[in-house]
N, C-alpha and C. Protein backbone atom coordinates (compact mmCIF):
# COMPACT_ATOMS: atom_id res chain seq x y z
N MET A 1 0.81 -1.47 -0.29
CA MET A 1 0.07 0.10 0.00
C MET A 1 0.66 0.89 -0.36
N TYR A 2 0.53 2.15 -0.77
CA TYR A 2 0.81 3.53 -0.68
C TYR A 2 -0.39 4.52 -0.71
N VAL A 3 -0.02 5.84 -0.38
CA VAL A 3 -0.18 7.02 -0.86
C VAL A 3 0.21 8.13 -1.59
N ARG A 4 -0.25 8.64 -2.72
CA ARG A 4 -0.26 9.18 -4.08
C ARG A 4 -1.17 10.32 -3.99
N ASP A 5 -0.42 11.34 -5.13
CA ASP A 5 -1.46 12.21 -5.58
C ASP A 5 -2.36 11.90 -6.54
N ALA A 6 -3.37 12.62 -6.49
CA ALA A 6 -4.47 11.99 -7.23
C ALA A 6 -4.38 12.46 -8.64
N ARG A 7 -4.66 11.68 -9.84
CA ARG A 7 -3.91 12.26 -11.45
C ARG A 7 -5.54 12.29 -11.78
N ASN A 8 -5.64 13.04 -13.13
CA ASN A 8 -6.60 13.44 -13.44
C ASN A 8 -7.47 12.28 -14.19
N ARG A 9 -7.10 11.28 -14.33
CA ARG A 9 -7.45 9.88 -14.59
C ARG A 9 -8.48 9.27 -13.25
N ASP A 10 -8.44 9.83 -12.15
CA ASP A 10 -8.77 9.42 -10.79
C ASP A 10 -10.20 10.17 -10.60
N GLU A 11 -10.48 11.42 -11.32
CA GLU A 11 -11.57 12.42 -11.05
C GLU A 11 -12.66 11.38 -11.07
N ALA A 12 -13.09 10.71 -12.27
CA ALA A 12 -14.57 9.89 -12.32
C ALA A 12 -14.65 8.95 -10.79
N TRP A 13 -13.40 8.08 -10.44
CA TRP A 13 -13.77 7.70 -9.22
C TRP A 13 -14.13 8.53 -8.30
N LEU A 14 -12.98 9.35 -8.10
CA LEU A 14 -13.64 10.22 -6.78
C LEU A 14 -14.74 10.56 -6.84
N LEU A 15 -15.10 11.34 -7.71
CA LEU A 15 -16.60 11.80 -7.80
C LEU A 15 -17.71 10.74 -7.34
N ASP A 16 -17.43 9.56 -7.97
CA ASP A 16 -18.25 8.56 -7.64
C ASP A 16 -18.36 8.15 -6.10
N GLN A 17 -17.11 7.60 -5.91
CA GLN A 17 -17.06 7.15 -4.22
C GLN A 17 -17.25 8.80 -3.32
N ILE A 18 -16.87 9.79 -3.68
CA ILE A 18 -17.74 11.01 -2.76
C ILE A 18 -19.10 10.87 -2.46
N GLU A 19 -19.67 10.34 -3.56
CA GLU A 19 -21.27 10.66 -3.68
C GLU A 19 -21.66 9.31 -2.75
N ARG A 20 -21.06 8.38 -3.28
CA ARG A 20 -21.18 6.66 -2.65
C ARG A 20 -21.53 6.94 -1.01
N LEU A 21 -20.20 7.85 -0.65
CA LEU A 21 -20.03 7.65 0.70
C LEU A 21 -20.90 9.10 1.69
N GLY A 22 -21.19 9.93 0.78
CA GLY A 22 -21.95 11.19 1.14
C GLY A 22 -21.04 12.34 1.61
N LEU A 23 -20.22 12.22 1.01
CA LEU A 23 -18.74 13.32 1.62
C LEU A 23 -19.13 14.89 0.74
N ASP A 24 -18.59 15.44 1.32
CA ASP A 24 -18.22 17.17 0.69
C ASP A 24 -17.42 17.07 -0.53
N GLU A 25 -18.16 17.18 -1.77
CA GLU A 25 -17.50 18.18 -2.72
C GLU A 25 -17.64 19.02 -3.29
N THR A 26 -17.65 20.17 -2.17
CA THR A 26 -17.93 21.35 -2.73
C THR A 26 -16.42 21.75 -3.28
N ALA A 27 -16.62 22.81 -4.19
CA ALA A 27 -15.29 23.49 -4.98
C ALA A 27 -14.26 22.11 -5.41
N PHE A 28 -15.13 21.22 -5.98
CA PHE A 28 -14.18 19.57 -6.18
C PHE A 28 -13.00 20.22 -7.38
N ARG A 29 -11.61 19.54 -7.09
CA ARG A 29 -10.40 19.65 -7.72
C ARG A 29 -9.67 18.52 -7.62
N SER A 30 -9.65 17.28 -8.80
CA SER A 30 -9.18 16.25 -8.54
C SER A 30 -7.31 16.75 -7.68
N ARG A 31 -7.10 17.81 -8.30
CA ARG A 31 -5.46 17.94 -7.84
C ARG A 31 -5.27 18.07 -6.34
N ASP A 32 -6.60 18.03 -5.79
CA ASP A 32 -6.24 18.37 -4.12
C ASP A 32 -5.99 17.28 -3.47
N TYR A 33 -6.41 16.40 -4.37
CA TYR A 33 -6.63 14.61 -3.12
C TYR A 33 -5.54 13.93 -3.44
N VAL A 34 -5.16 12.95 -2.38
CA VAL A 34 -4.32 12.21 -2.39
C VAL A 34 -5.35 10.51 -2.41
N ILE A 35 -4.61 9.88 -2.56
CA ILE A 35 -5.35 8.65 -2.96
C ILE A 35 -4.40 7.47 -2.43
N ALA A 36 -4.82 6.49 -1.24
CA ALA A 36 -4.39 5.04 -1.19
C ALA A 36 -4.54 4.10 -2.02
N VAL A 37 -3.37 3.53 -2.39
CA VAL A 37 -3.32 2.18 -3.72
C VAL A 37 -2.56 1.15 -2.95
N ASP A 38 -3.36 0.21 -3.06
CA ASP A 38 -2.94 -1.16 -3.23
C ASP A 38 -1.79 -1.37 -4.03
N GLU A 39 -0.28 -1.71 -4.43
CA GLU A 39 0.22 -1.78 -5.28
C GLU A 39 0.32 -3.02 -5.88
N GLU A 40 -0.21 -4.31 -4.99
CA GLU A 40 -0.09 -5.35 -6.15
C GLU A 40 -1.60 -5.61 -6.68
N GLN A 41 -3.00 -5.13 -6.27
CA GLN A 41 -3.98 -5.01 -7.37
C GLN A 41 -3.67 -4.01 -8.07
N ASN A 42 -3.34 -3.07 -7.95
CA ASN A 42 -3.56 -1.47 -8.31
C ASN A 42 -5.11 -0.87 -8.09
N GLU A 43 -5.52 -1.26 -6.79
CA GLU A 43 -6.66 -0.94 -6.27
C GLU A 43 -6.69 0.01 -5.43
N ARG A 44 -7.82 1.23 -5.78
CA ARG A 44 -7.70 2.57 -4.89
C ARG A 44 -8.44 1.74 -3.65
N ALA A 45 -8.20 2.58 -2.49
CA ALA A 45 -8.64 2.17 -1.16
C ALA A 45 -9.15 2.98 -0.52
N GLY A 46 -8.64 4.53 -0.71
CA GLY A 46 -9.27 5.59 0.12
C GLY A 46 -8.91 6.93 -0.50
N PHE A 47 -8.92 7.70 0.08
CA PHE A 47 -8.55 9.17 -0.62
C PHE A 47 -9.01 10.25 0.67
N GLY A 48 -8.28 11.47 0.27
CA GLY A 48 -8.77 12.45 1.26
C GLY A 48 -8.13 13.90 0.70
N ARG A 49 -8.46 14.85 0.88
CA ARG A 49 -8.12 16.32 0.18
C ARG A 49 -7.73 17.55 1.16
N ILE A 50 -6.90 18.18 0.44
CA ILE A 50 -6.37 19.61 1.22
C ILE A 50 -7.41 20.41 0.39
N ARG A 51 -8.15 21.59 1.05
CA ARG A 51 -8.87 22.53 0.56
C ARG A 51 -8.12 23.93 1.15
N ILE A 52 -7.37 24.67 0.46
CA ILE A 52 -7.08 26.11 0.67
C ILE A 52 -7.87 27.05 0.89
N HIS A 53 -8.46 28.02 1.73
CA HIS A 53 -9.28 29.11 1.64
C HIS A 53 -8.70 30.23 1.64
N LYS A 54 -8.66 30.81 0.61
CA LYS A 54 -7.90 32.17 0.89
C LYS A 54 -8.83 33.71 1.38
N THR A 55 -8.11 34.02 2.33
CA THR A 55 -9.00 35.27 3.03
C THR A 55 -7.93 36.36 2.97
N ASP A 56 -8.38 37.44 3.34
CA ASP A 56 -8.01 38.57 3.13
C ASP A 56 -6.59 38.58 4.49
N GLU A 57 -6.83 37.99 5.74
CA GLU A 57 -5.83 37.34 6.70
C GLU A 57 -4.84 36.05 6.26
N GLY A 58 -5.11 36.00 5.10
CA GLY A 58 -4.32 34.88 4.51
C GLY A 58 -4.56 33.59 4.01
N GLU A 59 -4.18 32.61 4.23
CA GLU A 59 -4.78 31.16 3.57
C GLU A 59 -5.11 30.08 4.72
N ILE A 60 -5.84 29.22 4.70
CA ILE A 60 -6.07 28.46 5.67
C ILE A 60 -6.32 27.41 5.09
N CYS A 61 -5.89 26.13 5.74
CA CYS A 61 -5.60 24.73 5.16
C CYS A 61 -6.82 23.95 5.93
N GLU A 62 -7.93 23.27 5.05
CA GLU A 62 -8.81 22.34 5.88
C GLU A 62 -8.53 20.99 4.96
N LEU A 63 -8.59 19.95 5.79
CA LEU A 63 -8.60 18.83 5.70
C LEU A 63 -10.29 18.77 5.34
N THR A 64 -10.37 17.69 4.22
CA THR A 64 -12.01 17.26 3.94
C THR A 64 -11.94 16.33 3.03
N SER A 65 -13.30 15.67 3.09
CA SER A 65 -13.61 14.66 2.14
C SER A 65 -12.61 13.45 2.25
N ILE A 66 -12.41 13.11 3.60
CA ILE A 66 -11.61 11.82 3.99
C ILE A 66 -12.50 10.68 3.89
N GLY A 67 -12.02 9.70 3.09
CA GLY A 67 -12.99 8.17 3.07
C GLY A 67 -12.41 7.06 2.76
N VAL A 68 -12.61 6.09 3.18
CA VAL A 68 -12.10 5.09 2.72
C VAL A 68 -12.96 3.91 2.57
N LEU A 69 -12.98 2.93 1.57
CA LEU A 69 -13.84 2.18 0.93
C LEU A 69 -14.44 1.18 2.15
N GLU A 70 -15.40 0.86 1.95
CA GLU A 70 -15.39 -0.31 3.33
C GLU A 70 -14.57 -1.37 3.60
N GLU A 71 -14.43 -2.21 1.97
CA GLU A 71 -13.64 -3.21 2.24
C GLU A 71 -12.41 -3.01 2.67
N TRP A 72 -12.25 -1.75 3.02
CA TRP A 72 -10.80 -1.36 3.13
C TRP A 72 -10.36 -0.85 4.80
N ARG A 73 -11.56 -0.64 5.17
CA ARG A 73 -11.64 0.19 6.89
C ARG A 73 -10.95 -0.97 7.74
N GLY A 74 -10.30 -0.40 8.83
CA GLY A 74 -9.50 -0.69 9.79
C GLY A 74 -8.06 -1.48 9.41
N GLN A 75 -7.78 -0.93 8.44
CA GLN A 75 -6.61 -1.67 8.10
C GLN A 75 -5.09 -0.34 7.94
N GLY A 76 -5.63 1.02 8.73
CA GLY A 76 -4.75 1.95 8.27
C GLY A 76 -4.82 2.71 7.26
N VAL A 77 -5.88 2.37 6.34
CA VAL A 77 -5.70 3.16 5.00
C VAL A 77 -6.45 4.81 5.57
N GLY A 78 -6.82 5.01 6.24
CA GLY A 78 -7.50 6.45 6.65
C GLY A 78 -6.46 6.65 7.44
N ALA A 79 -5.57 6.56 8.12
CA ALA A 79 -4.87 7.10 8.97
C ALA A 79 -3.80 7.53 8.17
N HIS A 80 -2.97 6.66 7.27
CA HIS A 80 -2.37 7.16 5.93
C HIS A 80 -2.36 8.27 5.22
N VAL A 81 -3.64 8.13 4.84
CA VAL A 81 -4.37 9.49 4.13
C VAL A 81 -3.93 10.62 4.90
N VAL A 82 -4.72 10.72 6.23
CA VAL A 82 -4.54 11.91 7.17
C VAL A 82 -3.35 12.05 7.00
N GLU A 83 -2.61 11.13 7.39
CA GLU A 83 -0.93 11.36 7.48
C GLU A 83 0.00 12.07 6.46
N ARG A 84 -0.64 11.94 5.10
CA ARG A 84 0.00 12.48 4.11
C ARG A 84 0.04 13.31 4.00
N LEU A 85 -1.49 13.92 3.95
CA LEU A 85 -2.37 15.74 3.89
C LEU A 85 -1.47 16.59 4.90
N VAL A 86 -1.41 16.21 6.31
CA VAL A 86 -0.94 16.84 7.04
C VAL A 86 0.36 17.06 6.77
N GLN A 87 1.47 15.74 6.44
CA GLN A 87 2.57 15.96 6.03
C GLN A 87 2.76 16.88 4.86
N THR A 88 1.59 16.92 3.78
CA THR A 88 1.60 18.05 2.90
C THR A 88 1.48 19.80 3.18
N ALA A 89 0.36 19.59 4.30
CA ALA A 89 0.29 20.91 4.76
C ALA A 89 1.25 21.44 5.27
N GLY A 90 1.79 20.59 6.45
CA GLY A 90 3.43 21.06 6.58
C GLY A 90 4.35 21.53 5.93
N ASP A 91 4.17 20.88 5.05
CA ASP A 91 5.63 21.00 3.73
C ASP A 91 5.28 22.17 3.35
N ASN A 92 3.92 22.89 2.95
CA ASN A 92 3.43 24.10 2.40
C ASN A 92 3.65 24.77 3.57
N ASP A 93 4.21 25.14 4.65
CA ASP A 93 4.18 26.12 5.46
C ASP A 93 2.91 26.54 6.72
N PHE A 94 2.08 25.66 6.40
CA PHE A 94 1.17 25.65 7.18
C PHE A 94 1.44 25.40 8.71
N ASP A 95 1.13 26.25 9.73
CA ASP A 95 1.57 26.04 11.00
C ASP A 95 0.40 25.37 11.62
N VAL A 96 -1.06 25.38 11.06
CA VAL A 96 -2.34 24.61 11.76
C VAL A 96 -3.26 24.08 10.57
N VAL A 97 -3.71 22.96 11.14
CA VAL A 97 -4.41 22.14 9.84
C VAL A 97 -5.76 22.20 10.56
N TYR A 98 -6.51 22.77 9.99
CA TYR A 98 -8.14 22.43 10.58
C TYR A 98 -9.29 21.43 9.41
N THR A 99 -10.04 20.82 10.56
CA THR A 99 -11.00 20.15 9.70
C THR A 99 -12.37 20.27 10.34
N LEU A 100 -13.41 19.70 9.61
CA LEU A 100 -14.93 19.69 10.19
C LEU A 100 -15.19 18.50 10.08
N SER A 101 -15.38 17.63 10.96
CA SER A 101 -15.42 16.48 11.00
C SER A 101 -16.48 15.75 11.57
N GLY A 102 -17.33 14.78 11.39
CA GLY A 102 -18.24 14.04 12.26
C GLY A 102 -17.80 13.26 12.84
N GLU A 103 -16.46 12.87 12.19
CA GLU A 103 -15.61 11.61 13.45
C GLU A 103 -14.66 12.19 14.36
N PRO A 104 -15.08 12.79 15.13
CA PRO A 104 -13.87 13.62 16.17
C PRO A 104 -12.91 12.58 16.93
N GLU A 105 -13.63 11.81 17.03
CA GLU A 105 -12.67 10.67 18.11
C GLU A 105 -11.73 9.91 17.14
N TYR A 106 -12.05 9.44 16.07
CA TYR A 106 -11.13 9.22 14.78
C TYR A 106 -9.97 10.25 14.75
N LEU A 107 -10.19 11.13 14.88
CA LEU A 107 -9.19 12.60 14.34
C LEU A 107 -8.37 12.55 15.73
N GLU A 108 -8.90 12.72 16.69
CA GLU A 108 -8.43 12.93 18.31
C GLU A 108 -7.26 12.26 18.18
N GLN A 109 -6.99 10.41 17.80
CA GLN A 109 -5.51 9.47 17.97
C GLN A 109 -4.80 10.13 17.28
N PHE A 110 -4.44 11.04 16.23
CA PHE A 110 -3.78 11.70 15.26
C PHE A 110 -3.03 12.92 16.18
N GLY A 111 -3.98 13.44 17.32
CA GLY A 111 -3.36 14.68 17.79
C GLY A 111 -4.18 15.95 17.47
N PHE A 112 -5.56 15.45 16.83
CA PHE A 112 -6.27 16.89 16.47
C PHE A 112 -7.14 17.30 17.92
N GLU A 113 -7.14 18.40 18.12
CA GLU A 113 -7.91 18.91 19.33
C GLU A 113 -9.29 19.50 18.63
N ARG A 114 -10.56 19.32 19.85
CA ARG A 114 -11.78 20.05 19.05
C ARG A 114 -11.87 21.39 19.61
N LEU A 115 -12.26 22.18 18.94
CA LEU A 115 -12.21 23.94 19.01
C LEU A 115 -13.86 23.89 19.26
N GLU A 116 -14.05 25.14 19.89
CA GLU A 116 -15.39 25.93 19.74
C GLU A 116 -15.59 26.83 18.28
N PRO A 117 -16.89 26.47 17.96
CA PRO A 117 -16.96 27.00 17.04
C PRO A 117 -16.51 28.41 16.45
N ALA A 118 -16.69 29.42 17.98
CA ALA A 118 -15.75 30.85 17.81
C ALA A 118 -14.35 30.37 17.86
N GLN A 119 -13.74 29.69 17.78
CA GLN A 119 -12.05 29.75 17.51
C GLN A 119 -11.53 29.80 16.15
N LEU A 120 -12.71 29.59 15.30
CA LEU A 120 -12.35 29.05 13.90
C LEU A 120 -12.08 30.58 13.20
N PRO A 121 -11.50 30.86 12.05
CA PRO A 121 -11.53 31.58 11.10
C PRO A 121 -12.77 31.83 10.73
N ALA A 122 -13.34 33.09 10.36
CA ALA A 122 -14.81 33.55 9.94
C ALA A 122 -14.85 32.65 8.60
N LYS A 123 -14.21 32.60 7.75
CA LYS A 123 -14.54 31.79 6.64
C LYS A 123 -14.75 29.86 6.96
N LEU A 124 -13.96 29.75 7.76
CA LEU A 124 -14.61 28.25 8.31
C LEU A 124 -15.73 28.28 9.33
N GLN A 125 -15.97 29.47 9.77
CA GLN A 125 -17.28 29.24 10.73
C GLN A 125 -18.72 29.09 9.42
N THR A 126 -18.54 29.76 8.56
CA THR A 126 -19.43 29.58 7.45
C THR A 126 -19.52 28.18 7.04
N ARG A 127 -18.59 27.92 6.61
CA ARG A 127 -18.45 26.16 6.29
C ARG A 127 -18.70 25.16 7.13
N LEU A 128 -18.50 25.51 8.33
CA LEU A 128 -19.05 24.39 9.23
C LEU A 128 -20.58 24.80 9.49
N THR A 129 -21.27 26.16 9.42
CA THR A 129 -22.65 26.19 9.55
C THR A 129 -23.36 25.43 8.12
N GLU A 130 -22.40 25.52 6.92
CA GLU A 130 -22.92 24.93 5.36
C GLU A 130 -22.90 23.38 5.81
N LYS A 131 -21.94 22.82 6.02
CA LYS A 131 -21.32 21.73 6.21
C LYS A 131 -22.85 20.89 7.02
N GLN A 132 -23.02 21.40 8.29
CA GLN A 132 -23.46 20.97 9.02
C GLN A 132 -25.45 20.95 9.05
N GLU A 133 -25.50 21.91 8.04
CA GLU A 133 -26.80 21.86 7.30
C GLU A 133 -26.82 20.72 6.21
N ALA A 134 -25.96 21.03 5.48
CA ALA A 134 -26.15 20.41 4.34
C ALA A 134 -25.76 18.65 4.32
N LEU A 135 -24.58 18.20 5.17
CA LEU A 135 -23.89 16.84 4.95
C LEU A 135 -23.79 16.40 6.18
N GLU A 136 -23.30 16.84 7.64
CA GLU A 136 -22.93 16.15 8.54
C GLU A 136 -23.32 17.29 9.62
N PRO A 137 -24.73 16.96 9.92
CA PRO A 137 -25.08 17.53 11.15
C PRO A 137 -24.44 17.56 12.78
N ASP A 138 -23.42 16.53 12.71
CA ASP A 138 -22.62 16.40 14.06
C ASP A 138 -21.28 16.96 13.63
N ALA A 139 -20.62 17.59 12.85
CA ALA A 139 -19.43 17.82 12.41
C ALA A 139 -18.88 18.83 13.58
N VAL A 140 -17.65 18.50 13.81
CA VAL A 140 -17.16 19.19 15.10
C VAL A 140 -15.83 20.13 14.48
N PRO A 141 -15.88 21.23 14.77
CA PRO A 141 -14.58 21.90 13.95
C PRO A 141 -13.16 21.29 14.98
N MET A 142 -12.05 21.11 14.14
CA MET A 142 -10.96 20.66 15.19
C MET A 142 -9.75 21.13 14.05
N ARG A 143 -8.76 21.10 15.36
CA ARG A 143 -7.41 21.97 14.89
C ARG A 143 -6.09 20.76 14.94
N LEU A 144 -5.07 21.11 14.50
CA LEU A 144 -3.78 20.08 14.70
C LEU A 144 -2.28 20.94 14.21
N ASP A 145 -1.36 21.22 14.79
CA ASP A 145 -0.27 21.69 14.29
C ASP A 145 0.48 20.71 13.68
N PRO A 146 0.68 20.51 12.60
CA PRO A 146 1.22 19.59 11.54
C PRO A 146 2.25 18.56 12.18
N ASP A 147 3.01 19.53 12.94
CA ASP A 147 4.48 18.98 13.85
C ASP A 147 4.50 18.08 15.06
N ARG A 148 2.95 18.05 15.33
CA ARG A 148 2.34 17.13 16.02
C ARG A 148 1.67 15.74 15.73
N PHE A 149 1.40 15.87 14.89
CA PHE A 149 0.82 14.65 13.86
C PHE A 149 1.55 13.54 14.75
N ARG A 150 0.71 12.25 15.37
CA ARG A 150 1.36 11.07 15.53
C ARG A 150 0.15 10.03 15.27
N MET A 151 1.04 8.74 14.83
CA MET A 151 0.15 7.33 14.58
C MET A 151 0.63 6.47 15.10
N SER A 152 -0.30 5.55 15.53
CA SER A 152 -0.13 4.43 16.36
C SER A 152 1.11 3.22 15.62
N SER A 153 1.89 2.49 16.03
CA SER A 153 2.45 1.21 15.29
C SER A 153 1.51 0.45 14.86
N ARG A 154 0.41 0.19 15.27
CA ARG A 154 -0.70 -0.87 15.09
C ARG A 154 -0.94 -0.32 13.74
N LEU A 155 -1.53 1.12 13.33
CA LEU A 155 -1.99 1.37 12.14
C LEU A 155 -1.00 1.35 11.43
N ARG A 156 0.16 1.91 11.77
CA ARG A 156 1.46 1.68 10.32
C ARG A 156 1.73 0.14 10.05
N GLU A 157 1.59 -0.68 11.06
CA GLU A 157 1.78 -2.25 10.41
C GLU A 157 0.49 -2.66 9.75
N ALA A 158 -0.58 -2.45 10.51
CA ALA A 158 -1.95 -2.67 9.69
C ALA A 158 -1.74 -2.53 8.11
N PHE A 159 -1.34 -1.15 7.88
CA PHE A 159 -1.41 -0.58 6.28
C PHE A 159 -0.25 -1.44 5.79
N LYS A 160 0.80 -1.57 6.01
CA LYS A 160 1.66 -2.62 5.28
C LYS A 160 1.12 -3.79 4.89
N GLY A 161 0.25 -4.48 5.46
CA GLY A 161 -0.41 -5.53 5.16
C GLY A 161 -1.71 -5.54 4.73
N ALA A 162 -2.05 -4.22 4.52
CA ALA A 162 -3.75 -4.06 4.16
C ALA A 162 -4.22 -4.95 2.94
N GLN A 163 -5.20 -5.41 3.02
CA GLN A 163 -5.67 -6.29 1.87
C GLN A 163 -7.50 -6.13 2.00
N ALA A 164 -7.98 -5.68 0.71
CA ALA A 164 -9.52 -5.66 0.76
C ALA A 164 -10.29 -7.08 1.17
N GLU A 165 -11.02 -6.90 1.83
CA GLU A 165 -11.83 -7.66 2.84
C GLU A 165 -13.06 -8.39 1.97
N ASP A 166 -12.95 -9.23 1.03
CA ASP A 166 -14.08 -9.97 0.35
C ASP A 166 -15.45 -10.04 1.10
N ASP A 167 -16.63 -9.38 0.78
CA ASP A 167 -17.51 -9.47 1.59
C ASP A 167 -18.13 -10.91 1.26
N GLU A 168 -18.42 -11.03 0.43
CA GLU A 168 -19.09 -12.54 -0.33
C GLU A 168 -18.30 -12.94 -1.41
N PRO A 169 -18.27 -14.25 -1.32
CA PRO A 169 -17.44 -15.28 -2.30
C PRO A 169 -18.68 -15.46 -3.34
N GLU A 170 -17.76 -15.26 -4.55
CA GLU A 170 -18.57 -15.51 -5.74
C GLU A 170 -19.49 -16.93 -5.82
N PRO A 171 -20.81 -16.37 -6.31
CA PRO A 171 -21.58 -17.35 -5.85
C PRO A 171 -21.64 -18.33 -7.35
N GLN A 172 -21.55 -19.63 -7.32
CA GLN A 172 -21.64 -20.75 -7.89
C GLN A 172 -22.61 -20.51 -8.86
N GLU A 173 -22.69 -20.31 -10.28
CA GLU A 173 -23.59 -20.71 -11.04
C GLU A 173 -24.13 -22.02 -11.49
N GLY A 174 -25.65 -22.15 -11.50
CA GLY A 174 -25.98 -23.56 -11.86
C GLY A 174 -27.03 -23.50 -13.03
N PRO A 175 -27.43 -24.48 -13.35
CA PRO A 175 -28.59 -24.51 -14.70
C PRO A 175 -29.45 -23.59 -14.43
N GLU A 176 -30.05 -23.48 -13.22
CA GLU A 176 -31.38 -22.94 -12.93
C GLU A 176 -31.22 -21.10 -13.32
N ASP A 177 -29.89 -20.81 -13.03
CA ASP A 177 -29.25 -19.45 -13.73
C ASP A 177 -29.57 -19.34 -14.98
N PHE A 178 -29.88 -20.09 -15.77
CA PHE A 178 -29.97 -20.06 -17.31
C PHE A 178 -31.07 -20.37 -17.92
N GLY A 179 -31.80 -20.72 -16.86
CA GLY A 179 -33.27 -20.78 -17.22
C GLY A 179 -33.57 -22.24 -17.40
N ILE A 180 -32.38 -23.11 -17.04
CA ILE A 180 -32.75 -24.50 -17.48
C ILE A 180 -33.18 -25.48 -16.39
N ASP A 181 -34.07 -26.27 -16.44
CA ASP A 181 -34.64 -27.13 -15.23
C ASP A 181 -34.13 -28.26 -15.06
N PRO A 182 -32.69 -28.68 -14.27
CA PRO A 182 -32.03 -29.96 -14.77
C PRO A 182 -32.60 -31.20 -14.49
N ASP A 183 -34.07 -31.15 -14.05
CA ASP A 183 -34.59 -32.29 -13.89
C ASP A 183 -35.30 -32.70 -15.21
N GLU A 184 -35.79 -31.72 -15.97
CA GLU A 184 -36.24 -32.28 -17.32
C GLU A 184 -35.27 -31.95 -18.49
N ALA A 185 -34.11 -31.32 -18.52
CA ALA A 185 -33.50 -30.99 -19.59
C ALA A 185 -32.84 -32.31 -20.30
N THR A 186 -32.88 -32.21 -21.71
CA THR A 186 -32.09 -33.27 -22.24
C THR A 186 -30.82 -32.76 -22.72
N TYR A 187 -29.99 -33.42 -22.76
CA TYR A 187 -28.70 -32.68 -23.49
C TYR A 187 -28.08 -33.35 -24.81
N LYS A 188 -27.58 -32.85 -25.64
CA LYS A 188 -27.14 -33.14 -26.89
C LYS A 188 -26.34 -34.65 -26.64
N TYR A 189 -25.50 -34.47 -25.83
CA TYR A 189 -24.65 -35.51 -25.86
C TYR A 189 -24.76 -36.31 -24.26
N ASP A 190 -25.98 -36.37 -23.79
CA ASP A 190 -26.36 -37.35 -22.95
C ASP A 190 -26.36 -38.80 -23.22
N THR A 191 -25.62 -39.76 -22.07
CA THR A 191 -25.45 -40.86 -22.58
C THR A 191 -26.18 -41.81 -21.48
N GLY A 192 -27.15 -41.18 -20.72
CA GLY A 192 -27.75 -42.23 -20.05
C GLY A 192 -28.93 -42.43 -20.04
C-alpha cells in the first residue's frame, strides 16, 4: 500500500466514491486529493483532500472529504491518508490544519484537538454551518499543528499488510441461473 497524489484519470472514480460515501464535494478539484492504492492489485482504497481557503488574513488549510472504501476499513488506510495530507500541509508552511469532522474521536488519535466554533477563522465558521446543514449535522471543528501529528505503530503495521476484505464469495452458477430445469432437460451428448 502507498498514498499518492490524485491524477486526472482518478476524477470520475473520486466523484463516484464521494457521492457513494456522502462526503463533501464542494469546489471539487482532483489535484487537491491524495489516494491510497494497493500496489499489488492497483486498487484504490481511500482518499482525502486539502482545501485551501484564501482570505484577507491569509490562507487557511482544511482537510476534508476523507473516505475509505468499506472493504479497506480498519487497516490503517485512513490514517495514512490523513498523515499524507498533514505532511503536505506542513511542507507548504501551514502552522495549523483545520478539519470539520463528524468523526472527531477518529482524528483525536492523531493529535487533533476540538475547538469551539467561535475559535475558527470566519471562513471556516461559515463552512461549518453549511456542512452541518447539508452533510454532517454532527460536524465538529478541530485543529492540529502538523508537527504534532502522531500515528500508532498498530496502524502503521496494519497498513503494510492491508487487503480488501471480500464481503461475499462469488456465487456458483447452476443450470437454474440460465433458465434450465436440470430434472427435465436433455443434453445433446447425454449417454444415460
